[in-house]
Amino acid sequence: MDWPEDATGAVFRRLQEMEFNFARPIVIDFNVTFDDSALAPKAAAVIASSLPEATVSEQDDELLVKIEDVLTYSMVTDTLAKLSDLAAPFGGICEDWGVLVRPSVS
């Protein structure tokens, strides 16, 4: 695959080097951070309402949003943007994401 030369594209290239299976659904973690963590619960309610397929939990001063889906570049970038838009009125932004990759057992 040919992903853009940005941070998300770099992660996709590393996953490809690890022979990650992009065809199967996986839980993708998105971290939403806030200028004032006291506003995180209000943002959590908005995010949970707007993304019913997501699991939203508070983690210290941020929200952890988990979505199970097939991992694609557009899914990640679209979700980062949507979460940032939803969190912005509460001083939040979503710039980080990840997946748990277990090493294959030979």
N, C-alpha and C. Protein backbone atom coordinates (compact mmCIF):
# COMPACT_ATOMS: atom_id res chain seq x y z
N MET A 1 0.84 -1.18 0.00
CA MET A 1 0.00 0.00 0.00
C MET A 1 0.89 1.25 0.00
N ASP A 2 0.30 2.33 -0.42
CA ASP A 2 1.02 3.60 -0.48
C ASP A 2 0.27 4.63 0.36
N TRP A 3 0.71 4.81 1.61
CA TRP A 3 0.05 5.75 2.51
C TRP A 3 0.78 7.09 2.48
N PRO A 4 0.07 8.17 2.83
CA PRO A 4 0.69 9.50 2.84
C PRO A 4 1.89 9.56 3.79
N GLU A 5 2.75 10.52 3.55
CA GLU A 5 3.95 10.73 4.37
C GLU A 5 3.58 11.59 5.58
N ASP A 6 2.80 11.02 6.48
CA ASP A 6 2.45 11.69 7.72
C ASP A 6 2.56 10.68 8.86
N ALA A 7 2.25 11.11 10.08
CA ALA A 7 2.41 10.22 11.24
C ALA A 7 1.52 8.98 11.12
N THR A 8 0.30 9.15 10.66
CA THR A 8 -0.59 8.00 10.51
C THR A 8 -0.09 7.05 9.43
N GLY A 9 0.36 7.60 8.31
CA GLY A 9 0.92 6.76 7.26
C GLY A 9 2.13 5.98 7.74
N ALA A 10 2.96 6.60 8.58
CA ALA A 10 4.14 5.92 9.13
C ALA A 10 3.73 4.72 9.99
N VAL A 11 2.68 4.88 10.78
CA VAL A 11 2.20 3.77 11.60
C VAL A 11 1.70 2.64 10.69
N PHE A 12 0.98 2.99 9.65
CA PHE A 12 0.49 1.96 8.73
C PHE A 12 1.64 1.22 8.06
N ARG A 13 2.70 1.93 7.69
CA ARG A 13 3.86 1.27 7.09
C ARG A 13 4.52 0.31 8.08
N ARG A 14 4.62 0.73 9.35
CA ARG A 14 5.21 -0.17 10.36
C ARG A 14 4.34 -1.40 10.56
N LEU A 15 3.03 -1.20 10.59
CA LEU A 15 2.13 -2.35 10.73
C LEU A 15 2.27 -3.30 9.54
N GLN A 16 2.39 -2.75 8.35
CA GLN A 16 2.57 -3.58 7.16
C GLN A 16 3.86 -4.38 7.26
N GLU A 17 4.93 -3.76 7.74
CA GLU A 17 6.21 -4.47 7.91
C GLU A 17 6.08 -5.61 8.91
N MET A 18 5.16 -5.46 9.87
CA MET A 18 4.91 -6.50 10.88
C MET A 18 3.92 -7.56 10.37
N GLU A 19 3.53 -7.43 9.10
CA GLU A 19 2.58 -8.35 8.46
C GLU A 19 1.22 -8.32 9.17
N PHE A 20 0.80 -7.13 9.56
CA PHE A 20 -0.50 -6.92 10.18
C PHE A 20 -1.60 -7.29 9.19
N ASN A 21 -2.65 -7.93 9.68
CA ASN A 21 -3.78 -8.33 8.84
C ASN A 21 -4.79 -7.18 8.78
N PHE A 22 -4.73 -6.40 7.72
CA PHE A 22 -5.62 -5.26 7.56
C PHE A 22 -7.04 -5.66 7.16
N ALA A 23 -7.28 -6.92 6.88
CA ALA A 23 -8.59 -7.36 6.43
C ALA A 23 -9.55 -7.70 7.57
N ARG A 24 -9.01 -7.93 8.76
CA ARG A 24 -9.89 -8.32 9.87
C ARG A 24 -10.16 -7.14 10.79
N PRO A 25 -11.35 -7.10 11.38
CA PRO A 25 -11.66 -6.04 12.33
C PRO A 25 -10.76 -6.13 13.56
N ILE A 26 -10.46 -4.98 14.14
CA ILE A 26 -9.62 -4.91 15.33
C ILE A 26 -10.10 -3.72 16.16
N VAL A 27 -9.84 -3.75 17.45
CA VAL A 27 -10.20 -2.61 18.30
C VAL A 27 -9.12 -1.54 18.13
N ILE A 28 -9.58 -0.34 17.78
CA ILE A 28 -8.70 0.80 17.57
C ILE A 28 -8.95 1.78 18.72
N ASP A 29 -7.87 2.17 19.39
CA ASP A 29 -7.95 3.10 20.51
C ASP A 29 -7.65 4.52 20.03
N PHE A 30 -8.49 5.45 20.42
CA PHE A 30 -8.29 6.87 20.13
C PHE A 30 -8.23 7.60 21.48
N ASN A 31 -7.22 8.45 21.64
CA ASN A 31 -7.06 9.21 22.88
C ASN A 31 -7.45 10.67 22.64
N VAL A 32 -8.40 11.14 23.45
CA VAL A 32 -8.85 12.52 23.36
C VAL A 32 -8.33 13.25 24.59
N THR A 33 -7.54 14.28 24.37
CA THR A 33 -6.97 15.05 25.48
C THR A 33 -7.67 16.40 25.60
N PHE A 34 -7.58 16.99 26.80
CA PHE A 34 -8.32 18.23 27.10
C PHE A 34 -7.42 19.25 27.77
N ASP A 35 -7.71 20.53 27.50
CA ASP A 35 -7.04 21.61 28.23
C ASP A 35 -7.46 21.56 29.70
N ASP A 36 -8.73 21.26 29.94
CA ASP A 36 -9.29 21.18 31.29
C ASP A 36 -10.00 19.83 31.41
N SER A 37 -9.37 18.88 32.12
CA SER A 37 -9.91 17.52 32.19
C SER A 37 -11.28 17.47 32.86
N ALA A 38 -11.68 18.53 33.57
CA ALA A 38 -13.00 18.57 34.20
C ALA A 38 -14.11 18.55 33.15
N LEU A 39 -13.79 18.93 31.91
CA LEU A 39 -14.80 18.95 30.84
C LEU A 39 -14.89 17.61 30.10
N ALA A 40 -14.00 16.69 30.41
CA ALA A 40 -13.99 15.39 29.72
C ALA A 40 -15.31 14.64 29.85
N PRO A 41 -15.94 14.59 31.03
CA PRO A 41 -17.22 13.87 31.12
C PRO A 41 -18.30 14.41 30.19
N LYS A 42 -18.35 15.73 30.02
CA LYS A 42 -19.34 16.32 29.11
C LYS A 42 -19.04 15.91 27.67
N ALA A 43 -17.76 15.92 27.32
CA ALA A 43 -17.37 15.50 25.97
C ALA A 43 -17.67 14.02 25.78
N ALA A 44 -17.45 13.22 26.82
CA ALA A 44 -17.71 11.77 26.73
C ALA A 44 -19.16 11.50 26.37
N ALA A 45 -20.07 12.26 26.98
CA ALA A 45 -21.50 12.07 26.69
C ALA A 45 -21.81 12.40 25.25
N VAL A 46 -21.24 13.47 24.73
CA VAL A 46 -21.47 13.87 23.34
C VAL A 46 -20.88 12.83 22.38
N ILE A 47 -19.68 12.37 22.67
CA ILE A 47 -19.03 11.37 21.81
C ILE A 47 -19.82 10.07 21.82
N ALA A 48 -20.22 9.61 23.00
CA ALA A 48 -20.98 8.35 23.09
C ALA A 48 -22.30 8.45 22.33
N SER A 49 -22.93 9.61 22.38
CA SER A 49 -24.20 9.81 21.67
C SER A 49 -23.98 9.85 20.15
N SER A 50 -22.89 10.47 19.73
CA SER A 50 -22.61 10.63 18.29
C SER A 50 -22.02 9.38 17.66
N LEU A 51 -21.33 8.57 18.45
CA LEU A 51 -20.68 7.35 17.95
C LEU A 51 -21.14 6.16 18.78
N PRO A 52 -22.38 5.69 18.56
CA PRO A 52 -22.90 4.60 19.40
C PRO A 52 -22.10 3.29 19.29
N GLU A 53 -21.31 3.14 18.24
CA GLU A 53 -20.49 1.94 18.09
C GLU A 53 -19.22 1.99 18.94
N ALA A 54 -18.97 3.15 19.55
CA ALA A 54 -17.74 3.35 20.34
C ALA A 54 -17.98 3.06 21.81
N THR A 55 -16.90 2.64 22.47
CA THR A 55 -16.87 2.54 23.92
C THR A 55 -16.01 3.70 24.41
N VAL A 56 -16.58 4.52 25.29
CA VAL A 56 -15.89 5.71 25.77
C VAL A 56 -15.64 5.56 27.26
N SER A 57 -14.38 5.75 27.67
CA SER A 57 -14.06 5.69 29.10
C SER A 57 -13.08 6.81 29.46
N GLU A 58 -13.20 7.26 30.70
CA GLU A 58 -12.29 8.30 31.18
C GLU A 58 -11.02 7.66 31.70
N GLN A 59 -9.88 8.20 31.30
CA GLN A 59 -8.57 7.71 31.70
C GLN A 59 -7.76 8.90 32.19
N ASP A 60 -7.65 9.07 33.51
CA ASP A 60 -6.92 10.21 34.08
C ASP A 60 -7.46 11.52 33.51
N ASP A 61 -6.67 12.20 32.69
CA ASP A 61 -7.09 13.51 32.17
C ASP A 61 -7.50 13.44 30.70
N GLU A 62 -7.85 12.26 30.22
CA GLU A 62 -8.25 12.12 28.82
C GLU A 62 -9.37 11.11 28.69
N LEU A 63 -9.89 10.99 27.48
CA LEU A 63 -10.87 9.96 27.17
C LEU A 63 -10.23 8.92 26.27
N LEU A 64 -10.59 7.68 26.52
CA LEU A 64 -10.18 6.59 25.64
C LEU A 64 -11.42 6.15 24.89
N VAL A 65 -11.36 6.25 23.57
CA VAL A 65 -12.48 5.87 22.72
C VAL A 65 -12.05 4.65 21.93
N LYS A 66 -12.79 3.55 22.11
CA LYS A 66 -12.47 2.30 21.42
C LYS A 66 -13.53 2.01 20.37
N ILE A 67 -13.06 1.71 19.17
CA ILE A 67 -13.97 1.37 18.07
C ILE A 67 -13.43 0.12 17.39
N GLU A 68 -14.29 -0.86 17.23
CA GLU A 68 -13.88 -2.07 16.51
C GLU A 68 -14.29 -1.92 15.05
N ASP A 69 -13.30 -2.03 14.16
CA ASP A 69 -13.55 -1.84 12.74
C ASP A 69 -12.35 -2.40 11.97
N VAL A 70 -12.48 -2.44 10.67
CA VAL A 70 -11.34 -2.78 9.81
C VAL A 70 -10.46 -1.54 9.76
N LEU A 71 -9.17 -1.72 9.99
CA LEU A 71 -8.23 -0.61 10.06
C LEU A 71 -7.87 -0.13 8.67
N THR A 72 -8.31 1.09 8.36
CA THR A 72 -7.93 1.73 7.10
C THR A 72 -7.44 3.14 7.42
N TYR A 73 -6.64 3.67 6.53
CA TYR A 73 -6.12 5.02 6.71
C TYR A 73 -7.26 6.02 6.83
N SER A 74 -8.24 5.92 5.93
CA SER A 74 -9.35 6.88 5.96
C SER A 74 -10.20 6.72 7.21
N MET A 75 -10.38 5.50 7.70
CA MET A 75 -11.15 5.30 8.93
C MET A 75 -10.46 6.03 10.07
N VAL A 76 -9.14 5.88 10.17
CA VAL A 76 -8.39 6.51 11.26
C VAL A 76 -8.43 8.03 11.14
N THR A 77 -8.11 8.55 9.97
CA THR A 77 -8.05 10.01 9.83
C THR A 77 -9.44 10.64 9.96
N ASP A 78 -10.46 9.98 9.43
CA ASP A 78 -11.82 10.50 9.58
C ASP A 78 -12.26 10.49 11.05
N THR A 79 -11.91 9.43 11.78
CA THR A 79 -12.29 9.33 13.19
C THR A 79 -11.52 10.34 14.03
N LEU A 80 -10.23 10.53 13.76
CA LEU A 80 -9.46 11.55 14.47
C LEU A 80 -10.12 12.92 14.29
N ALA A 81 -10.51 13.24 13.07
CA ALA A 81 -11.14 14.53 12.79
C ALA A 81 -12.51 14.64 13.47
N LYS A 82 -13.30 13.59 13.40
CA LYS A 82 -14.64 13.62 14.00
C LYS A 82 -14.55 13.78 15.51
N LEU A 83 -13.64 13.00 16.14
CA LEU A 83 -13.49 13.11 17.59
C LEU A 83 -12.98 14.49 17.99
N SER A 84 -12.08 15.04 17.21
CA SER A 84 -11.58 16.39 17.49
C SER A 84 -12.71 17.42 17.38
N ASP A 85 -13.53 17.28 16.35
CA ASP A 85 -14.67 18.19 16.17
C ASP A 85 -15.65 18.08 17.35
N LEU A 86 -15.93 16.85 17.78
CA LEU A 86 -16.87 16.65 18.89
C LEU A 86 -16.31 17.16 20.22
N ALA A 87 -14.99 17.03 20.40
CA ALA A 87 -14.36 17.42 21.66
C ALA A 87 -13.99 18.90 21.71
N ALA A 88 -13.88 19.55 20.56
CA ALA A 88 -13.42 20.94 20.50
C ALA A 88 -14.22 21.90 21.40
N PRO A 89 -15.55 21.82 21.45
CA PRO A 89 -16.28 22.75 22.33
C PRO A 89 -15.92 22.60 23.81
N PHE A 90 -15.27 21.48 24.16
CA PHE A 90 -14.88 21.21 25.54
C PHE A 90 -13.37 21.36 25.74
N GLY A 91 -12.70 21.95 24.76
CA GLY A 91 -11.25 22.14 24.85
C GLY A 91 -10.48 20.87 24.59
N GLY A 92 -11.06 19.94 23.83
CA GLY A 92 -10.42 18.66 23.57
C GLY A 92 -9.96 18.51 22.13
N ILE A 93 -9.04 17.57 21.95
CA ILE A 93 -8.53 17.24 20.61
C ILE A 93 -8.12 15.78 20.60
N CYS A 94 -8.25 15.15 19.45
CA CYS A 94 -7.85 13.76 19.29
C CYS A 94 -6.76 13.70 18.23
N GLU A 95 -5.54 13.41 18.68
CA GLU A 95 -4.41 13.33 17.76
C GLU A 95 -3.70 11.97 17.82
N ASP A 96 -4.08 11.14 18.79
CA ASP A 96 -3.38 9.87 19.00
C ASP A 96 -4.31 8.69 18.83
N TRP A 97 -3.77 7.63 18.27
CA TRP A 97 -4.53 6.41 18.09
C TRP A 97 -3.55 5.23 18.12
N GLY A 98 -4.09 4.05 18.27
CA GLY A 98 -3.24 2.86 18.25
C GLY A 98 -4.05 1.60 18.24
N VAL A 99 -3.37 0.51 17.96
CA VAL A 99 -3.96 -0.82 18.01
C VAL A 99 -3.00 -1.72 18.79
N LEU A 100 -3.55 -2.70 19.45
CA LEU A 100 -2.74 -3.66 20.16
C LEU A 100 -2.38 -4.77 19.18
N VAL A 101 -1.11 -4.91 18.93
CA VAL A 101 -0.63 -5.92 17.99
C VAL A 101 0.09 -7.00 18.79
N ARG A 102 -0.41 -8.18 18.70
CA ARG A 102 0.23 -9.31 19.38
C ARG A 102 1.18 -9.99 18.41
N PRO A 103 2.39 -10.28 18.86
CA PRO A 103 3.31 -10.98 17.96
C PRO A 103 2.76 -12.36 17.59
N SER A 104 3.03 -12.75 16.36
CA SER A 104 2.57 -14.07 15.93
C SER A 104 3.45 -15.14 16.59
N VAL A 105 2.80 -16.25 16.90
CA VAL A 105 3.50 -17.37 17.54
C VAL A 105 3.83 -18.39 16.46
N SER A 106 5.08 -18.76 16.40
CA SER A 106 5.50 -19.74 15.38
C SER A 106 5.50 -21.12 15.93
